[in-house]
């Protein structure tokens, strides 16, 4: 995981909290199973890609976006955001 996250990684979580690389690396692994779908990829600049997709975990759907940057010969996650989709009532 250390190699996948850029040193200045940040995440805007669905809870509204901001997480940094150190937070992610020190978090316990809960082993949640995510169902991921509807991926789209948009080149923002050379070596910078926006990835958007839908995730479902524990019957909660969220929309997610991530910015990946090419660092040397590998890709790293620079920024991630998750937005909960309200349940239909």
PDB file of N, CA and C in Angstrom:
ATOM      1  N   UNK A   1       0.824  -1.187   0.000  1.00  0.00           N
ATOM      2  CA  UNK A   1       0.000   0.000   0.000  1.00  0.00           C
ATOM      3  C   UNK A   1       0.871   1.255   0.000  1.00  0.00           C
ATOM      4  N   UNK A   2       2.006   1.207   0.647  1.00  0.00           N
ATOM      5  CA  UNK A   2       2.895   2.368   0.722  1.00  0.00           C
ATOM      6  C   UNK A   2       3.279   2.865  -0.662  1.00  0.00           C
ATOM      7  N   UNK A   3       3.566   1.929  -1.579  1.00  0.00           N
ATOM      8  CA  UNK A   3       3.991   2.309  -2.920  1.00  0.00           C
ATOM      9  C   UNK A   3       2.840   2.847  -3.765  1.00  0.00           C
ATOM     10  N   UNK A   4       1.605   2.430  -3.458  1.00  0.00           N
ATOM     11  CA  UNK A   4       0.454   2.868  -4.245  1.00  0.00           C
ATOM     12  C   UNK A   4       0.013   4.294  -3.922  1.00  0.00           C
ATOM     13  N   UNK A   5       0.264   4.745  -2.697  1.00  0.00           N
ATOM     14  CA  UNK A   5      -0.167   6.079  -2.280  1.00  0.00           C
ATOM     15  C   UNK A   5       0.962   7.083  -2.443  1.00  0.00           C
ATOM     16  N   UNK A   6       0.655   8.210  -3.090  1.00  0.00           N
ATOM     17  CA  UNK A   6       1.635   9.291  -3.196  1.00  0.00           C
ATOM     18  C   UNK A   6       1.915   9.832  -1.791  1.00  0.00           C
ATOM     19  N   UNK A   7       3.097  10.381  -1.592  1.00  0.00           N
ATOM     20  CA  UNK A   7       3.444  10.911  -0.270  1.00  0.00           C
ATOM     21  C   UNK A   7       2.472  11.995   0.182  1.00  0.00           C
ATOM     22  N   UNK A   8       1.942  12.787  -0.761  1.00  0.00           N
ATOM     23  CA  UNK A   8       0.989  13.849  -0.411  1.00  0.00           C
ATOM     24  C   UNK A   8      -0.461  13.446  -0.681  1.00  0.00           C
ATOM     25  N   UNK A   9      -0.731  12.138  -0.614  1.00  0.00           N
ATOM     26  CA  UNK A   9      -2.085  11.610  -0.791  1.00  0.00           C
ATOM     27  C   UNK A   9      -3.035  12.202   0.234  1.00  0.00           C
ATOM     28  N   UNK A  10      -4.284  12.451  -0.219  1.00  0.00           N
ATOM     29  CA  UNK A  10      -5.360  12.802   0.700  1.00  0.00           C
ATOM     30  C   UNK A  10      -6.656  12.209   0.171  1.00  0.00           C
ATOM     31  N   UNK A  11      -7.537  11.907   1.108  1.00  0.00           N
ATOM     32  CA  UNK A  11      -8.852  11.371   0.766  1.00  0.00           C
ATOM     33  C   UNK A  11      -9.914  12.187   1.474  1.00  0.00           C
ATOM     34  N   UNK A  12     -10.947  12.557   0.730  1.00  0.00           N
ATOM     35  CA  UNK A  12     -12.134  13.157   1.322  1.00  0.00           C
ATOM     36  C   UNK A  12     -13.131  12.015   1.470  1.00  0.00           C
ATOM     37  N   UNK A  13     -13.260  11.509   2.687  1.00  0.00           N
ATOM     38  CA  UNK A  13     -14.107  10.352   2.930  1.00  0.00           C
ATOM     39  C   UNK A  13     -15.578  10.676   2.889  1.00  0.00           C
ATOM     40  N   UNK A  14     -16.393   9.647   2.725  1.00  0.00           N
ATOM     41  CA  UNK A  14     -17.842   9.835   2.691  1.00  0.00           C
ATOM     42  C   UNK A  14     -18.364  10.348   4.019  1.00  0.00           C
ATOM     43  N   UNK A  15     -17.569  10.210   5.070  1.00  0.00           N
ATOM     44  CA  UNK A  15     -17.935  10.719   6.397  1.00  0.00           C
ATOM     45  C   UNK A  15     -17.716  12.220   6.511  1.00  0.00           C
ATOM     46  N   UNK A  16     -17.018  12.797   5.522  1.00  0.00           N
ATOM     47  CA  UNK A  16     -16.671  14.214   5.589  1.00  0.00           C
ATOM     48  C   UNK A  16     -15.292  14.449   6.179  1.00  0.00           C
ATOM     49  N   UNK A  17     -14.658  13.396   6.667  1.00  0.00           N
ATOM     50  CA  UNK A  17     -13.308  13.510   7.233  1.00  0.00           C
ATOM     51  C   UNK A  17     -12.272  13.494   6.120  1.00  0.00           C
ATOM     52  N   UNK A  18     -11.127  14.110   6.399  1.00  0.00           N
ATOM     53  CA  UNK A  18      -9.997  14.087   5.476  1.00  0.00           C
ATOM     54  C   UNK A  18      -8.963  13.116   6.034  1.00  0.00           C
ATOM     55  N   UNK A  19      -8.478  12.237   5.169  1.00  0.00           N
ATOM     56  CA  UNK A  19      -7.472  11.245   5.554  1.00  0.00           C
ATOM     57  C   UNK A  19      -6.211  11.472   4.732  1.00  0.00           C
ATOM     58  N   UNK A  20      -5.079  11.217   5.345  1.00  0.00           N
ATOM     59  CA  UNK A  20      -3.786  11.358   4.681  1.00  0.00           C
ATOM     60  C   UNK A  20      -3.120   9.989   4.597  1.00  0.00           C
ATOM     61  N   UNK A  21      -2.013   9.922   3.898  1.00  0.00           N
ATOM     62  CA  UNK A  21      -1.311   8.655   3.704  1.00  0.00           C
ATOM     63  C   UNK A  21      -1.050   7.954   5.032  1.00  0.00           C
ATOM     64  N   UNK A  22      -0.577   8.695   6.016  1.00  0.00           N
ATOM     65  CA  UNK A  22      -0.271   8.089   7.318  1.00  0.00           C
ATOM     66  C   UNK A  22      -1.522   7.504   7.972  1.00  0.00           C
ATOM     67  N   UNK A  23      -2.680   8.144   7.783  1.00  0.00           N
ATOM     68  CA  UNK A  23      -3.934   7.622   8.343  1.00  0.00           C
ATOM     69  C   UNK A  23      -4.297   6.288   7.709  1.00  0.00           C
ATOM     70  N   UNK A  24      -4.174   6.225   6.389  1.00  0.00           N
ATOM     71  CA  UNK A  24      -4.531   4.997   5.670  1.00  0.00           C
ATOM     72  C   UNK A  24      -3.590   3.860   6.063  1.00  0.00           C
ATOM     73  N   UNK A  25      -2.306   4.159   6.144  1.00  0.00           N
ATOM     74  CA  UNK A  25      -1.332   3.112   6.461  1.00  0.00           C
ATOM     75  C   UNK A  25      -1.455   2.602   7.896  1.00  0.00           C
ATOM     76  N   UNK A  26      -1.956   3.433   8.803  1.00  0.00           N
ATOM     77  CA  UNK A  26      -2.078   3.008  10.202  1.00  0.00           C
ATOM     78  C   UNK A  26      -3.458   2.450  10.534  1.00  0.00           C
ATOM     79  N   UNK A  27      -4.392   2.496   9.588  1.00  0.00           N
ATOM     80  CA  UNK A  27      -5.752   1.999   9.840  1.00  0.00           C
ATOM     81  C   UNK A  27      -5.766   0.478   9.847  1.00  0.00           C
ATOM     82  N   UNK A  28      -6.587  -0.100  10.728  1.00  0.00           N
ATOM     83  CA  UNK A  28      -6.704  -1.562  10.714  1.00  0.00           C
ATOM     84  C   UNK A  28      -7.362  -2.026   9.420  1.00  0.00           C
ATOM     85  N   UNK A  29      -7.029  -3.214   8.986  1.00  0.00           N
ATOM     86  CA  UNK A  29      -7.625  -3.791   7.777  1.00  0.00           C
ATOM     87  C   UNK A  29      -8.898  -4.518   8.188  1.00  0.00           C
ATOM     88  N   UNK A  30     -10.046  -3.947   7.826  1.00  0.00           N
ATOM     89  CA  UNK A  30     -11.324  -4.555   8.187  1.00  0.00           C
ATOM     90  C   UNK A  30     -11.750  -5.611   7.179  1.00  0.00           C
ATOM     91  N   UNK A  31     -11.080  -5.682   6.045  1.00  0.00           N
ATOM     92  CA  UNK A  31     -11.370  -6.717   5.065  1.00  0.00           C
ATOM     93  C   UNK A  31     -12.748  -6.618   4.435  1.00  0.00           C
ATOM     94  N   UNK A  32     -13.284  -5.411   4.330  1.00  0.00           N
ATOM     95  CA  UNK A  32     -14.605  -5.238   3.719  1.00  0.00           C
ATOM     96  C   UNK A  32     -14.552  -5.614   2.242  1.00  0.00           C
ATOM     97  N   UNK A  33     -15.592  -6.284   1.778  1.00  0.00           N
ATOM     98  CA  UNK A  33     -15.679  -6.675   0.378  1.00  0.00           C
ATOM     99  C   UNK A  33     -16.481  -5.621  -0.380  1.00  0.00           C
ATOM    100  N   UNK A  34     -15.847  -4.966  -1.336  1.00  0.00           N
ATOM    101  CA  UNK A  34     -16.481  -3.938  -2.151  1.00  0.00           C
ATOM    102  C   UNK A  34     -16.879  -4.523  -3.500  1.00  0.00           C
ATOM    103  N   UNK A  35     -18.046  -4.132  -3.978  1.00  0.00           N
ATOM    104  CA  UNK A  35     -18.474  -4.446  -5.331  1.00  0.00           C
ATOM    105  C   UNK A  35     -18.262  -3.175  -6.141  1.00  0.00           C
ATOM    106  N   UNK A  36     -17.329  -3.180  -7.088  1.00  0.00           N
ATOM    107  CA  UNK A  36     -16.966  -2.001  -7.872  1.00  0.00           C
ATOM    108  C   UNK A  36     -17.492  -2.137  -9.293  1.00  0.00           C
ATOM    109  N   UNK A  37     -18.012  -1.014  -9.860  1.00  0.00           N
ATOM    110  CA  UNK A  37     -18.551  -1.065 -11.222  1.00  0.00           C
ATOM    111  C   UNK A  37     -18.544   0.328 -11.843  1.00  0.00           C
ATOM    112  N   UNK A  38     -18.912   0.379 -13.105  1.00  0.00           N
ATOM    113  CA  UNK A  38     -19.118   1.622 -13.856  1.00  0.00           C
ATOM    114  C   UNK A  38     -17.871   2.507 -13.910  1.00  0.00           C
ATOM    115  N   UNK A  39     -16.736   1.904 -14.191  1.00  0.00           N
ATOM    116  CA  UNK A  39     -15.476   2.654 -14.255  1.00  0.00           C
ATOM    117  C   UNK A  39     -15.421   3.541 -15.491  1.00  0.00           C
ATOM    118  N   UNK A  40     -14.939   4.768 -15.318  1.00  0.00           N
ATOM    119  CA  UNK A  40     -14.589   5.643 -16.431  1.00  0.00           C
ATOM    120  C   UNK A  40     -13.207   6.214 -16.149  1.00  0.00           C
ATOM    121  N   UNK A  41     -12.460   6.455 -17.223  1.00  0.00           N
ATOM    122  CA  UNK A  41     -11.096   6.968 -17.115  1.00  0.00           C
ATOM    123  C   UNK A  41     -10.982   8.201 -18.000  1.00  0.00           C
ATOM    124  N   UNK A  42     -10.472   9.300 -17.432  1.00  0.00           N
ATOM    125  CA  UNK A  42     -10.314  10.540 -18.176  1.00  0.00           C
ATOM    126  C   UNK A  42      -8.888  11.044 -18.010  1.00  0.00           C
ATOM    127  N   UNK A  43      -8.174  11.205 -19.130  1.00  0.00           N
ATOM    128  CA  UNK A  43      -6.831  11.786 -19.081  1.00  0.00           C
ATOM    129  C   UNK A  43      -6.962  13.277 -18.787  1.00  0.00           C
ATOM    130  N   UNK A  44      -6.350  13.726 -17.704  1.00  0.00           N
ATOM    131  CA  UNK A  44      -6.386  15.145 -17.350  1.00  0.00           C
ATOM    132  C   UNK A  44      -5.163  15.884 -17.884  1.00  0.00           C
ATOM    133  N   UNK A  45      -4.048  15.197 -17.934  1.00  0.00           N
ATOM    134  CA  UNK A  45      -2.789  15.728 -18.447  1.00  0.00           C
ATOM    135  C   UNK A  45      -1.888  14.522 -18.659  1.00  0.00           C
ATOM    136  N   UNK A  46      -0.724  14.749 -19.239  1.00  0.00           N
ATOM    137  CA  UNK A  46       0.192  13.630 -19.417  1.00  0.00           C
ATOM    138  C   UNK A  46       0.578  13.076 -18.044  1.00  0.00           C
ATOM    139  N   UNK A  47       0.320  11.790 -17.848  1.00  0.00           N
ATOM    140  CA  UNK A  47       0.654  11.140 -16.587  1.00  0.00           C
ATOM    141  C   UNK A  47      -0.305  11.445 -15.450  1.00  0.00           C
ATOM    142  N   UNK A  48      -1.509  11.952 -15.764  1.00  0.00           N
ATOM    143  CA  UNK A  48      -2.523  12.241 -14.738  1.00  0.00           C
ATOM    144  C   UNK A  48      -3.877  11.740 -15.253  1.00  0.00           C
ATOM    145  N   UNK A  49      -4.521  10.854 -14.474  1.00  0.00           N
ATOM    146  CA  UNK A  49      -5.783  10.251 -14.896  1.00  0.00           C
ATOM    147  C   UNK A  49      -6.811  10.362 -13.769  1.00  0.00           C
ATOM    148  N   UNK A  50      -8.036  10.732 -14.148  1.00  0.00           N
ATOM    149  CA  UNK A  50      -9.173  10.730 -13.231  1.00  0.00           C
ATOM    150  C   UNK A  50      -9.929   9.427 -13.447  1.00  0.00           C
ATOM    151  N   UNK A  51     -10.143   8.682 -12.353  1.00  0.00           N
ATOM    152  CA  UNK A  51     -10.892   7.431 -12.406  1.00  0.00           C
ATOM    153  C   UNK A  51     -12.159   7.620 -11.570  1.00  0.00           C
ATOM    154  N   UNK A  52     -13.315   7.348 -12.181  1.00  0.00           N
ATOM    155  CA  UNK A  52     -14.595   7.444 -11.471  1.00  0.00           C
ATOM    156  C   UNK A  52     -15.279   6.079 -11.531  1.00  0.00           C
ATOM    157  N   UNK A  53     -15.951   5.738 -10.424  1.00  0.00           N
ATOM    158  CA  UNK A  53     -16.622   4.447 -10.372  1.00  0.00           C
ATOM    159  C   UNK A  53     -17.645   4.424  -9.251  1.00  0.00           C
ATOM    160  N   UNK A  54     -18.434   3.364  -9.223  1.00  0.00           N
ATOM    161  CA  UNK A  54     -19.429   3.143  -8.182  1.00  0.00           C
ATOM    162  C   UNK A  54     -18.943   2.009  -7.284  1.00  0.00           C
ATOM    163  N   UNK A  55     -19.160   2.147  -5.983  1.00  0.00           N
ATOM    164  CA  UNK A  55     -18.791   1.104  -5.026  1.00  0.00           C
ATOM    165  C   UNK A  55     -19.993   0.792  -4.146  1.00  0.00           C
ATOM    166  N   UNK A  56     -20.148  -0.487  -3.832  1.00  0.00           N
ATOM    167  CA  UNK A  56     -21.183  -0.911  -2.892  1.00  0.00           C
ATOM    168  C   UNK A  56     -20.501  -1.789  -1.845  1.00  0.00           C
ATOM    169  N   UNK A  57     -20.709  -1.427  -0.574  1.00  0.00           N
ATOM    170  CA  UNK A  57     -20.211  -2.237   0.541  1.00  0.00           C
ATOM    171  C   UNK A  57     -21.282  -2.212   1.628  1.00  0.00           C
ATOM    172  N   UNK A  58     -21.596  -3.371   2.158  1.00  0.00           N
ATOM    173  CA  UNK A  58     -22.630  -3.493   3.199  1.00  0.00           C
ATOM    174  C   UNK A  58     -23.933  -2.812   2.778  1.00  0.00           C
ATOM    175  N   UNK A  59     -24.337  -3.014   1.534  1.00  0.00           N
ATOM    176  CA  UNK A  59     -25.565  -2.455   0.964  1.00  0.00           C
ATOM    177  C   UNK A  59     -25.579  -0.930   0.905  1.00  0.00           C
ATOM    178  N   UNK A  60     -24.443  -0.285   1.059  1.00  0.00           N
ATOM    179  CA  UNK A  60     -24.352   1.178   0.942  1.00  0.00           C
ATOM    180  C   UNK A  60     -23.615   1.522  -0.343  1.00  0.00           C
ATOM    181  N   UNK A  61     -24.279   2.275  -1.216  1.00  0.00           N
ATOM    182  CA  UNK A  61     -23.684   2.669  -2.495  1.00  0.00           C
ATOM    183  C   UNK A  61     -22.986   4.017  -2.345  1.00  0.00           C
ATOM    184  N   UNK A  62     -21.853   4.153  -3.013  1.00  0.00           N
ATOM    185  CA  UNK A  62     -21.147   5.434  -3.039  1.00  0.00           C
ATOM    186  C   UNK A  62     -20.561   5.659  -4.425  1.00  0.00           C
ATOM    187  N   UNK A  63     -20.438   6.928  -4.773  1.00  0.00           N
ATOM    188  CA  UNK A  63     -19.755   7.325  -5.996  1.00  0.00           C
ATOM    189  C   UNK A  63     -18.357   7.740  -5.604  1.00  0.00           C
ATOM    190  N   UNK A  64     -17.375   7.321  -6.390  1.00  0.00           N
ATOM    191  CA  UNK A  64     -15.986   7.545  -6.010  1.00  0.00           C
ATOM    192  C   UNK A  64     -15.208   8.117  -7.176  1.00  0.00           C
ATOM    193  N   UNK A  65     -14.227   8.947  -6.830  1.00  0.00           N
ATOM    194  CA  UNK A  65     -13.321   9.482  -7.844  1.00  0.00           C
ATOM    195  C   UNK A  65     -11.917   9.497  -7.276  1.00  0.00           C
ATOM    196  N   UNK A  66     -10.971   9.175  -8.133  1.00  0.00           N
ATOM    197  CA  UNK A  66      -9.568   9.111  -7.735  1.00  0.00           C
ATOM    198  C   UNK A  66      -8.706   9.763  -8.801  1.00  0.00           C
ATOM    199  N   UNK A  67      -7.686  10.461  -8.382  1.00  0.00           N
ATOM    200  CA  UNK A  67      -6.706  11.017  -9.311  1.00  0.00           C
ATOM    201  C   UNK A  67      -5.413  10.240  -9.136  1.00  0.00           C
ATOM    202  N   UNK A  68      -4.960   9.660 -10.236  1.00  0.00           N
ATOM    203  CA  UNK A  68      -3.729   8.875 -10.269  1.00  0.00           C
ATOM    204  C   UNK A  68      -2.676   9.639 -11.052  1.00  0.00           C
ATOM    205  N   UNK A  69      -1.444   9.604 -10.561  1.00  0.00           N
ATOM    206  CA  UNK A  69      -0.331  10.267 -11.249  1.00  0.00           C
ATOM    207  C   UNK A  69       0.769   9.251 -11.506  1.00  0.00           C
ATOM    208  N   UNK A  70       1.430   9.402 -12.651  1.00  0.00           N
ATOM    209  CA  UNK A  70       2.533   8.501 -12.979  1.00  0.00           C
ATOM    210  C   UNK A  70       3.803   9.058 -12.356  1.00  0.00           C
ATOM    211  N   UNK A  71       4.393   8.270 -11.469  1.00  0.00           N
ATOM    212  CA  UNK A  71       5.628   8.642 -10.779  1.00  0.00           C
ATOM    213  C   UNK A  71       6.705   7.655 -11.205  1.00  0.00           C
ATOM    214  N   UNK A  72       7.686   8.140 -11.943  1.00  0.00           N
ATOM    215  CA  UNK A  72       8.707   7.269 -12.533  1.00  0.00           C
ATOM    216  C   UNK A  72       8.022   6.261 -13.440  1.00  0.00           C
ATOM    217  N   UNK A  73       8.092   4.976 -13.090  1.00  0.00           N
ATOM    218  CA  UNK A  73       7.504   3.957 -13.965  1.00  0.00           C
ATOM    219  C   UNK A  73       6.232   3.343 -13.377  1.00  0.00           C
ATOM    220  N   UNK A  74       5.735   3.892 -12.267  1.00  0.00           N
ATOM    221  CA  UNK A  74       4.532   3.315 -11.661  1.00  0.00           C
ATOM    222  C   UNK A  74       3.489   4.403 -11.401  1.00  0.00           C
ATOM    223  N   UNK A  75       2.259   3.971 -11.193  1.00  0.00           N
ATOM    224  CA  UNK A  75       1.163   4.882 -10.906  1.00  0.00           C
ATOM    225  C   UNK A  75       0.928   4.962  -9.412  1.00  0.00           C
ATOM    226  N   UNK A  76       0.612   6.179  -8.929  1.00  0.00           N
ATOM    227  CA  UNK A  76       0.313   6.379  -7.513  1.00  0.00           C
ATOM    228  C   UNK A  76      -0.994   7.146  -7.365  1.00  0.00           C
ATOM    229  N   UNK A  77      -1.706   6.827  -6.304  1.00  0.00           N
ATOM    230  CA  UNK A  77      -2.953   7.496  -5.989  1.00  0.00           C
ATOM    231  C   UNK A  77      -2.651   8.794  -5.248  1.00  0.00           C
ATOM    232  N   UNK A  78      -3.077   9.912  -5.830  1.00  0.00           N
ATOM    233  CA  UNK A  78      -2.821  11.231  -5.255  1.00  0.00           C
ATOM    234  C   UNK A  78      -4.005  11.732  -4.437  1.00  0.00           C
ATOM    235  N   UNK A  79      -5.217  11.529  -4.958  1.00  0.00           N
ATOM    236  CA  UNK A  79      -6.408  12.051  -4.277  1.00  0.00           C
ATOM    237  C   UNK A  79      -7.576  11.102  -4.506  1.00  0.00           C
ATOM    238  N   UNK A  80      -8.416  10.969  -3.480  1.00  0.00           N
ATOM    239  CA  UNK A  80      -9.597  10.113  -3.580  1.00  0.00           C
ATOM    240  C   UNK A  80     -10.755  10.789  -2.861  1.00  0.00           C
ATOM    241  N   UNK A  81     -11.963  10.626  -3.423  1.00  0.00           N
ATOM    242  CA  UNK A  81     -13.161  11.146  -2.768  1.00  0.00           C
ATOM    243  C   UNK A  81     -14.275  10.130  -2.895  1.00  0.00           C
ATOM    244  N   UNK A  82     -15.032   9.957  -1.798  1.00  0.00           N
ATOM    245  CA  UNK A  82     -16.184   9.067  -1.791  1.00  0.00           C
ATOM    246  C   UNK A  82     -17.412   9.871  -1.359  1.00  0.00           C
ATOM    247  N   UNK A  83     -18.505   9.700  -2.099  1.00  0.00           N
ATOM    248  CA  UNK A  83     -19.754  10.387  -1.780  1.00  0.00           C
ATOM    249  C   UNK A  83     -20.865   9.342  -1.670  1.00  0.00           C
ATOM    250  N   UNK A  84     -21.486   9.261  -0.506  1.00  0.00           N
ATOM    251  CA  UNK A  84     -22.542   8.294  -0.280  1.00  0.00           C
ATOM    252  C   UNK A  84     -23.767   8.660  -1.111  1.00  0.00           C
ATOM    253  N   UNK A  85     -24.365   7.645  -1.726  1.00  0.00           N
ATOM    254  CA  UNK A  85     -25.610   7.825  -2.460  1.00  0.00           C
ATOM    255  C   UNK A  85     -26.743   7.540  -1.465  1.00  0.00           C
ATOM    256  N   UNK A  86     -27.624   8.525  -1.241  1.00  0.00           N
ATOM    257  CA  UNK A  86     -28.715   8.300  -0.280  1.00  0.00           C
ATOM    258  C   UNK A  86     -29.585   7.136  -0.714  1.00  0.00           C
ATOM    259  N   UNK A  87     -30.047   6.361   0.251  1.00  0.00           N
ATOM    260  CA  UNK A  87     -30.944   5.236  -0.021  1.00  0.00           C
ATOM    261  C   UNK A  87     -32.292   5.771  -0.478  1.00  0.00           C
ATOM    262  N   UNK A  88     -32.897   5.089  -1.431  1.00  0.00           N
ATOM    263  CA  UNK A  88     -34.241   5.463  -1.874  1.00  0.00           C
ATOM    264  C   UNK A  88     -35.236   5.096  -0.780  1.00  0.00           C
ATOM    265  N   UNK A  89     -36.113   6.038  -0.477  1.00  0.00           N
ATOM    266  CA  UNK A  89     -37.128   5.742   0.551  1.00  0.00           C
ATOM    267  C   UNK A  89     -38.506   5.892   0.011  1.00  0.00           C
TER     268      UNK A  89
END
